[in-house]
Amino acid sequence: MSKVLSLKLREDIFKDAESVVKKMHIPRNTYINQAVEFYTKLHRRSLLAKQLAKESKLVAADSMTILKEFEAFTEDYE
């Protein structure tokens, strides 16, 4: 299902987009949909990377403790 939007673009952005649309021979609507989809995926990845970095910091100390325990455990069997 599609949603109808009213969109205001700066003149320079509109002209650049129109130029690309004409060269690609695709409808303006398709171009804008693809652009929004790409931009949304880009930002989702960025947000996910930030979340992963934050959560990694939270468990870093525990990970090092566990690593040291494993190293000590394997040294006992060598």
PDB file of N, CA and C in Angstrom:
ATOM      1  N   MET A   1       0.836  -1.169   0.000  1.00  0.00           N
ATOM      2  CA  MET A   1       0.000   0.000   0.000  1.00  0.00           C
ATOM      3  C   MET A   1       0.888   1.242   0.000  1.00  0.00           C
ATOM      4  N   SER A   2       0.471   2.244  -0.665  1.00  0.00           N
ATOM      5  CA  SER A   2       1.232   3.493  -0.764  1.00  0.00           C
ATOM      6  C   SER A   2       0.561   4.581   0.048  1.00  0.00           C
ATOM      7  N   LYS A   3       1.366   5.525   0.489  1.00  0.00           N
ATOM      8  CA  LYS A   3       0.871   6.696   1.210  1.00  0.00           C
ATOM      9  C   LYS A   3       1.145   7.928   0.363  1.00  0.00           C
ATOM     10  N   VAL A   4       0.241   8.861   0.398  1.00  0.00           N
ATOM     11  CA  VAL A   4       0.391  10.107  -0.347  1.00  0.00           C
ATOM     12  C   VAL A   4       1.052  11.128   0.565  1.00  0.00           C
ATOM     13  N   LEU A   5       2.104  11.778   0.053  1.00  0.00           N
ATOM     14  CA  LEU A   5       2.824  12.795   0.804  1.00  0.00           C
ATOM     15  C   LEU A   5       2.860  14.103   0.035  1.00  0.00           C
ATOM     16  N   SER A   6       2.972  15.162   0.777  1.00  0.00           N
ATOM     17  CA  SER A   6       3.261  16.455   0.183  1.00  0.00           C
ATOM     18  C   SER A   6       4.719  16.729   0.529  1.00  0.00           C
ATOM     19  N   LEU A   7       5.520  17.012  -0.474  1.00  0.00           N
ATOM     20  CA  LEU A   7       6.958  17.117  -0.266  1.00  0.00           C
ATOM     21  C   LEU A   7       7.473  18.436  -0.812  1.00  0.00           C
ATOM     22  N   LYS A   8       8.236  19.135   0.015  1.00  0.00           N
ATOM     23  CA  LYS A   8       8.871  20.370  -0.445  1.00  0.00           C
ATOM     24  C   LYS A   8      10.370  20.112  -0.516  1.00  0.00           C
ATOM     25  N   LEU A   9      10.941  20.343  -1.683  1.00  0.00           N
ATOM     26  CA  LEU A   9      12.377  20.189  -1.880  1.00  0.00           C
ATOM     27  C   LEU A   9      12.985  21.545  -2.204  1.00  0.00           C
ATOM     28  N   ARG A  10      14.215  21.708  -1.777  1.00  0.00           N
ATOM     29  CA  ARG A  10      14.934  22.912  -2.212  1.00  0.00           C
ATOM     30  C   ARG A  10      15.081  22.832  -3.729  1.00  0.00           C
ATOM     31  N   GLU A  11      15.126  23.984  -4.347  1.00  0.00           N
ATOM     32  CA  GLU A  11      15.205  24.063  -5.814  1.00  0.00           C
ATOM     33  C   GLU A  11      16.408  23.301  -6.370  1.00  0.00           C
ATOM     34  N   ASP A  12      17.587  23.447  -5.728  1.00  0.00           N
ATOM     35  CA  ASP A  12      18.788  22.781  -6.235  1.00  0.00           C
ATOM     36  C   ASP A  12      18.675  21.257  -6.136  1.00  0.00           C
ATOM     37  N   ILE A  13      18.087  20.767  -5.053  1.00  0.00           N
ATOM     38  CA  ILE A  13      17.911  19.318  -4.898  1.00  0.00           C
ATOM     39  C   ILE A  13      16.923  18.799  -5.941  1.00  0.00           C
ATOM     40  N   PHE A  14      15.842  19.538  -6.146  1.00  0.00           N
ATOM     41  CA  PHE A  14      14.850  19.144  -7.146  1.00  0.00           C
ATOM     42  C   PHE A  14      15.465  19.056  -8.536  1.00  0.00           C
ATOM     43  N   LYS A  15      16.246  20.070  -8.903  1.00  0.00           N
ATOM     44  CA  LYS A  15      16.860  20.075 -10.239  1.00  0.00           C
ATOM     45  C   LYS A  15      17.828  18.914 -10.412  1.00  0.00           C
ATOM     46  N   ASP A  16      18.639  18.657  -9.393  1.00  0.00           N
ATOM     47  CA  ASP A  16      19.569  17.523  -9.466  1.00  0.00           C
ATOM     48  C   ASP A  16      18.815  16.208  -9.605  1.00  0.00           C
ATOM     49  N   ALA A  17      17.769  16.048  -8.816  1.00  0.00           N
ATOM     50  CA  ALA A  17      16.974  14.818  -8.875  1.00  0.00           C
ATOM     51  C   ALA A  17      16.310  14.664 -10.242  1.00  0.00           C
ATOM     52  N   GLU A  18      15.756  15.743 -10.748  1.00  0.00           N
ATOM     53  CA  GLU A  18      15.110  15.688 -12.060  1.00  0.00           C
ATOM     54  C   GLU A  18      16.102  15.297 -13.157  1.00  0.00           C
ATOM     55  N   SER A  19      17.303  15.810 -13.058  1.00  0.00           N
ATOM     56  CA  SER A  19      18.337  15.476 -14.035  1.00  0.00           C
ATOM     57  C   SER A  19      18.632  13.975 -14.015  1.00  0.00           C
ATOM     58  N   VAL A  20      18.763  13.430 -12.826  1.00  0.00           N
ATOM     59  CA  VAL A  20      19.053  12.000 -12.693  1.00  0.00           C
ATOM     60  C   VAL A  20      17.874  11.166 -13.175  1.00  0.00           C
ATOM     61  N   VAL A  21      16.669  11.563 -12.801  1.00  0.00           N
ATOM     62  CA  VAL A  21      15.459  10.832 -13.196  1.00  0.00           C
ATOM     63  C   VAL A  21      15.361  10.750 -14.719  1.00  0.00           C
ATOM     64  N   LYS A  22      15.632  11.845 -15.387  1.00  0.00           N
ATOM     65  CA  LYS A  22      15.558  11.863 -16.853  1.00  0.00           C
ATOM     66  C   LYS A  22      16.617  10.958 -17.473  1.00  0.00           C
ATOM     67  N   LYS A  23      17.822  10.969 -16.922  1.00  0.00           N
ATOM     68  CA  LYS A  23      18.893  10.131 -17.456  1.00  0.00           C
ATOM     69  C   LYS A  23      18.646   8.646 -17.201  1.00  0.00           C
ATOM     70  N   MET A  24      18.008   8.344 -16.090  1.00  0.00           N
ATOM     71  CA  MET A  24      17.748   6.948 -15.740  1.00  0.00           C
ATOM     72  C   MET A  24      16.455   6.424 -16.364  1.00  0.00           C
ATOM     73  N   HIS A  25      15.644   7.330 -16.884  1.00  0.00           N
ATOM     74  CA  HIS A  25      14.349   6.974 -17.489  1.00  0.00           C
ATOM     75  C   HIS A  25      13.461   6.225 -16.491  1.00  0.00           C
ATOM     76  N   ILE A  26      13.352   6.783 -15.298  1.00  0.00           N
ATOM     77  CA  ILE A  26      12.460   6.206 -14.284  1.00  0.00           C
ATOM     78  C   ILE A  26      11.545   7.309 -13.762  1.00  0.00           C
ATOM     79  N   PRO A  27      10.389   6.928 -13.235  1.00  0.00           N
ATOM     80  CA  PRO A  27       9.493   7.939 -12.663  1.00  0.00           C
ATOM     81  C   PRO A  27      10.106   8.598 -11.427  1.00  0.00           C
ATOM     82  N   ARG A  28       9.786   9.846 -11.235  1.00  0.00           N
ATOM     83  CA  ARG A  28      10.265  10.600 -10.076  1.00  0.00           C
ATOM     84  C   ARG A  28       9.884   9.882  -8.782  1.00  0.00           C
ATOM     85  N   ASN A  29       8.667   9.372  -8.718  1.00  0.00           N
ATOM     86  CA  ASN A  29       8.181   8.676  -7.531  1.00  0.00           C
ATOM     87  C   ASN A  29       9.062   7.462  -7.198  1.00  0.00           C
ATOM     88  N   THR A  30       9.433   6.716  -8.219  1.00  0.00           N
ATOM     89  CA  THR A  30      10.305   5.552  -8.024  1.00  0.00           C
ATOM     90  C   THR A  30      11.658   5.991  -7.484  1.00  0.00           C
ATOM     91  N   TYR A  31      12.189   7.041  -8.052  1.00  0.00           N
ATOM     92  CA  TYR A  31      13.484   7.563  -7.619  1.00  0.00           C
ATOM     93  C   TYR A  31      13.442   7.999  -6.156  1.00  0.00           C
ATOM     94  N   ILE A  32      12.411   8.726  -5.782  1.00  0.00           N
ATOM     95  CA  ILE A  32      12.293   9.195  -4.399  1.00  0.00           C
ATOM     96  C   ILE A  32      12.106   8.013  -3.446  1.00  0.00           C
ATOM     97  N   ASN A  33      11.298   7.038  -3.836  1.00  0.00           N
ATOM     98  CA  ASN A  33      11.121   5.845  -3.002  1.00  0.00           C
ATOM     99  C   ASN A  33      12.444   5.113  -2.788  1.00  0.00           C
ATOM    100  N   GLN A  34      13.214   4.958  -3.860  1.00  0.00           N
ATOM    101  CA  GLN A  34      14.513   4.286  -3.749  1.00  0.00           C
ATOM    102  C   GLN A  34      15.467   5.078  -2.860  1.00  0.00           C
ATOM    103  N   ALA A  35      15.437   6.390  -2.987  1.00  0.00           N
ATOM    104  CA  ALA A  35      16.315   7.244  -2.178  1.00  0.00           C
ATOM    105  C   ALA A  35      15.958   7.145  -0.700  1.00  0.00           C
ATOM    106  N   VAL A  36      14.679   7.206  -0.387  1.00  0.00           N
ATOM    107  CA  VAL A  36      14.247   7.115   1.011  1.00  0.00           C
ATOM    108  C   VAL A  36      14.563   5.731   1.567  1.00  0.00           C
ATOM    109  N   GLU A  37      14.358   4.695   0.784  1.00  0.00           N
ATOM    110  CA  GLU A  37      14.671   3.331   1.223  1.00  0.00           C
ATOM    111  C   GLU A  37      16.164   3.193   1.531  1.00  0.00           C
ATOM    112  N   PHE A  38      17.008   3.691   0.649  1.00  0.00           N
ATOM    113  CA  PHE A  38      18.456   3.625   0.845  1.00  0.00           C
ATOM    114  C   PHE A  38      18.870   4.388   2.101  1.00  0.00           C
ATOM    115  N   TYR A  39      18.363   5.605   2.246  1.00  0.00           N
ATOM    116  CA  TYR A  39      18.712   6.468   3.376  1.00  0.00           C
ATOM    117  C   TYR A  39      18.255   5.838   4.694  1.00  0.00           C
ATOM    118  N   THR A  40      17.081   5.230   4.683  1.00  0.00           N
ATOM    119  CA  THR A  40      16.565   4.567   5.878  1.00  0.00           C
ATOM    120  C   THR A  40      17.445   3.382   6.260  1.00  0.00           C
ATOM    121  N   LYS A  41      17.837   2.566   5.296  1.00  0.00           N
ATOM    122  CA  LYS A  41      18.727   1.430   5.579  1.00  0.00           C
ATOM    123  C   LYS A  41      20.067   1.907   6.120  1.00  0.00           C
ATOM    124  N   LEU A  42      20.591   2.971   5.543  1.00  0.00           N
ATOM    125  CA  LEU A  42      21.858   3.534   5.988  1.00  0.00           C
ATOM    126  C   LEU A  42      21.781   3.948   7.457  1.00  0.00           C
ATOM    127  N   HIS A  43      20.714   4.633   7.817  1.00  0.00           N
ATOM    128  CA  HIS A  43      20.573   5.099   9.193  1.00  0.00           C
ATOM    129  C   HIS A  43      20.250   3.972  10.155  1.00  0.00           C
ATOM    130  N   ARG A  44      19.517   2.951   9.708  1.00  0.00           N
ATOM    131  CA  ARG A  44      19.273   1.785  10.574  1.00  0.00           C
ATOM    132  C   ARG A  44      20.597   1.101  10.914  1.00  0.00           C
ATOM    133  N   ARG A  45      21.465   0.967   9.926  1.00  0.00           N
ATOM    134  CA  ARG A  45      22.779   0.359  10.169  1.00  0.00           C
ATOM    135  C   ARG A  45      23.601   1.200  11.129  1.00  0.00           C
ATOM    136  N   SER A  46      23.541   2.505  10.964  1.00  0.00           N
ATOM    137  CA  SER A  46      24.270   3.406  11.845  1.00  0.00           C
ATOM    138  C   SER A  46      23.765   3.282  13.281  1.00  0.00           C
ATOM    139  N   LEU A  47      22.451   3.256  13.444  1.00  0.00           N
ATOM    140  CA  LEU A  47      21.866   3.100  14.777  1.00  0.00           C
ATOM    141  C   LEU A  47      22.229   1.746  15.381  1.00  0.00           C
ATOM    142  N   LEU A  48      22.224   0.709  14.562  1.00  0.00           N
ATOM    143  CA  LEU A  48      22.594  -0.621  15.036  1.00  0.00           C
ATOM    144  C   LEU A  48      24.055  -0.668  15.463  1.00  0.00           C
ATOM    145  N   ALA A  49      24.925  -0.019  14.700  1.00  0.00           N
ATOM    146  CA  ALA A  49      26.349   0.034  15.050  1.00  0.00           C
ATOM    147  C   ALA A  49      26.554   0.756  16.377  1.00  0.00           C
ATOM    148  N   LYS A  50      25.831   1.847  16.587  1.00  0.00           N
ATOM    149  CA  LYS A  50      25.931   2.575  17.855  1.00  0.00           C
ATOM    150  C   LYS A  50      25.442   1.722  19.016  1.00  0.00           C
ATOM    151  N   GLN A  51      24.349   0.996  18.793  1.00  0.00           N
ATOM    152  CA  GLN A  51      23.810   0.127  19.843  1.00  0.00           C
ATOM    153  C   GLN A  51      24.793  -0.994  20.161  1.00  0.00           C
ATOM    154  N   LEU A  52      25.382  -1.584  19.139  1.00  0.00           N
ATOM    155  CA  LEU A  52      26.358  -2.654  19.333  1.00  0.00           C
ATOM    156  C   LEU A  52      27.577  -2.148  20.097  1.00  0.00           C
ATOM    157  N   ALA A  53      28.072  -0.975  19.757  1.00  0.00           N
ATOM    158  CA  ALA A  53      29.219  -0.390  20.455  1.00  0.00           C
ATOM    159  C   ALA A  53      28.881  -0.143  21.924  1.00  0.00           C
ATOM    160  N   LYS A  54      27.690   0.374  22.178  1.00  0.00           N
ATOM    161  CA  LYS A  54      27.261   0.646  23.552  1.00  0.00           C
ATOM    162  C   LYS A  54      27.174  -0.654  24.353  1.00  0.00           C
ATOM    163  N   GLU A  55      26.560  -1.679  23.766  1.00  0.00           N
ATOM    164  CA  GLU A  55      26.395  -2.949  24.468  1.00  0.00           C
ATOM    165  C   GLU A  55      27.725  -3.672  24.632  1.00  0.00           C
ATOM    166  N   SER A  56      28.621  -3.517  23.676  1.00  0.00           N
ATOM    167  CA  SER A  56      29.948  -4.127  23.784  1.00  0.00           C
ATOM    168  C   SER A  56      30.715  -3.536  24.955  1.00  0.00           C
ATOM    169  N   LYS A  57      30.588  -2.226  25.152  1.00  0.00           N
ATOM    170  CA  LYS A  57      31.253  -1.572  26.287  1.00  0.00           C
ATOM    171  C   LYS A  57      30.702  -2.104  27.608  1.00  0.00           C
ATOM    172  N   LEU A  58      29.397  -2.389  27.625  1.00  0.00           N
ATOM    173  CA  LEU A  58      28.771  -2.879  28.855  1.00  0.00           C
ATOM    174  C   LEU A  58      29.282  -4.257  29.267  1.00  0.00           C
ATOM    175  N   VAL A  59      29.628  -5.098  28.301  1.00  0.00           N
ATOM    176  CA  VAL A  59      30.049  -6.469  28.614  1.00  0.00           C
ATOM    177  C   VAL A  59      31.555  -6.669  28.493  1.00  0.00           C
ATOM    178  N   ALA A  60      32.298  -5.645  28.162  1.00  0.00           N
ATOM    179  CA  ALA A  60      33.736  -5.788  27.928  1.00  0.00           C
ATOM    180  C   ALA A  60      34.467  -6.350  29.147  1.00  0.00           C
ATOM    181  N   ALA A  61      34.186  -5.816  30.324  1.00  0.00           N
ATOM    182  CA  ALA A  61      34.871  -6.278  31.536  1.00  0.00           C
ATOM    183  C   ALA A  61      34.551  -7.743  31.813  1.00  0.00           C
ATOM    184  N   ASP A  62      33.291  -8.124  31.679  1.00  0.00           N
ATOM    185  CA  ASP A  62      32.906  -9.522  31.892  1.00  0.00           C
ATOM    186  C   ASP A  62      33.579 -10.436  30.879  1.00  0.00           C
ATOM    187  N   SER A  63      33.680  -9.984  29.639  1.00  0.00           N
ATOM    188  CA  SER A  63      34.318 -10.790  28.598  1.00  0.00           C
ATOM    189  C   SER A  63      35.790 -11.040  28.927  1.00  0.00           C
ATOM    190  N   MET A  64      36.466 -10.025  29.416  1.00  0.00           N
ATOM    191  CA  MET A  64      37.878 -10.189  29.780  1.00  0.00           C
ATOM    192  C   MET A  64      38.030 -11.147  30.961  1.00  0.00           C
ATOM    193  N   THR A  65      37.145 -11.067  31.926  1.00  0.00           N
ATOM    194  CA  THR A  65      37.176 -11.967  33.078  1.00  0.00           C
ATOM    195  C   THR A  65      36.990 -13.411  32.625  1.00  0.00           C
ATOM    196  N   ILE A  66      36.029 -13.627  31.790  1.00  0.00           N
ATOM    197  CA  ILE A  66      35.760 -14.980  31.288  1.00  0.00           C
ATOM    198  C   ILE A  66      36.933 -15.487  30.464  1.00  0.00           C
ATOM    199  N   LEU A  67      37.525 -14.632  29.646  1.00  0.00           N
ATOM    200  CA  LEU A  67      38.682 -15.014  28.847  1.00  0.00           C
ATOM    201  C   LEU A  67      39.831 -15.462  29.747  1.00  0.00           C
ATOM    202  N   LYS A  68      40.090 -14.710  30.808  1.00  0.00           N
ATOM    203  CA  LYS A  68      41.160 -15.076  31.739  1.00  0.00           C
ATOM    204  C   LYS A  68      40.867 -16.403  32.422  1.00  0.00           C
ATOM    205  N   GLU A  69      39.609 -16.648  32.742  1.00  0.00           N
ATOM    206  CA  GLU A  69      39.229 -17.925  33.354  1.00  0.00           C
ATOM    207  C   GLU A  69      39.458 -19.084  32.391  1.00  0.00           C
ATOM    208  N   PHE A  70      39.110 -18.886  31.125  1.00  0.00           N
ATOM    209  CA  PHE A  70      39.348 -19.929  30.124  1.00  0.00           C
ATOM    210  C   PHE A  70      40.839 -20.183  29.931  1.00  0.00           C
ATOM    211  N   GLU A  71      41.627 -19.102  29.897  1.00  0.00           N
ATOM    212  CA  GLU A  71      43.074 -19.258  29.747  1.00  0.00           C
ATOM    213  C   GLU A  71      43.660 -20.028  30.922  1.00  0.00           C
ATOM    214  N   ALA A  72      43.229 -19.722  32.114  1.00  0.00           N
ATOM    215  CA  ALA A  72      43.704 -20.432  33.298  1.00  0.00           C
ATOM    216  C   ALA A  72      43.280 -21.881  33.251  1.00  0.00           C
ATOM    217  N   PHE A  73      42.092 -22.134  32.795  1.00  0.00           N
ATOM    218  CA  PHE A  73      41.577 -23.491  32.703  1.00  0.00           C
ATOM    219  C   PHE A  73      42.395 -24.319  31.702  1.00  0.00           C
ATOM    220  N   THR A  74      42.697 -23.747  30.542  1.00  0.00           N
ATOM    221  CA  THR A  74      43.456 -24.485  29.529  1.00  0.00           C
ATOM    222  C   THR A  74      44.907 -24.660  29.945  1.00  0.00           C
ATOM    223  N   GLU A  75      45.474 -23.715  30.715  1.00  0.00           N
ATOM    224  CA  GLU A  75      46.864 -23.851  31.183  1.00  0.00           C
ATOM    225  C   GLU A  75      46.997 -25.030  32.136  1.00  0.00           C
ATOM    226  N   ASP A  76      45.949 -25.326  32.880  1.00  0.00           N
ATOM    227  CA  ASP A  76      45.976 -26.448  33.814  1.00  0.00           C
ATOM    228  C   ASP A  76      46.073 -27.780  33.087  1.00  0.00           C
ATOM    229  N   TYR A  77      45.657 -27.844  31.826  1.00  0.00           N
ATOM    230  CA  TYR A  77      45.651 -29.107  31.068  1.00  0.00           C
ATOM    231  C   TYR A  77      46.773 -29.210  30.052  1.00  0.00           C
ATOM    232  N   GLU A  78      47.701 -28.286  30.064  1.00  0.00           N
ATOM    233  CA  GLU A  78      48.809 -28.328  29.119  1.00  0.00           C
ATOM    234  C   GLU A  78      49.999 -29.002  29.697  1.00  0.00           C
TER     235      GLU A  78
END
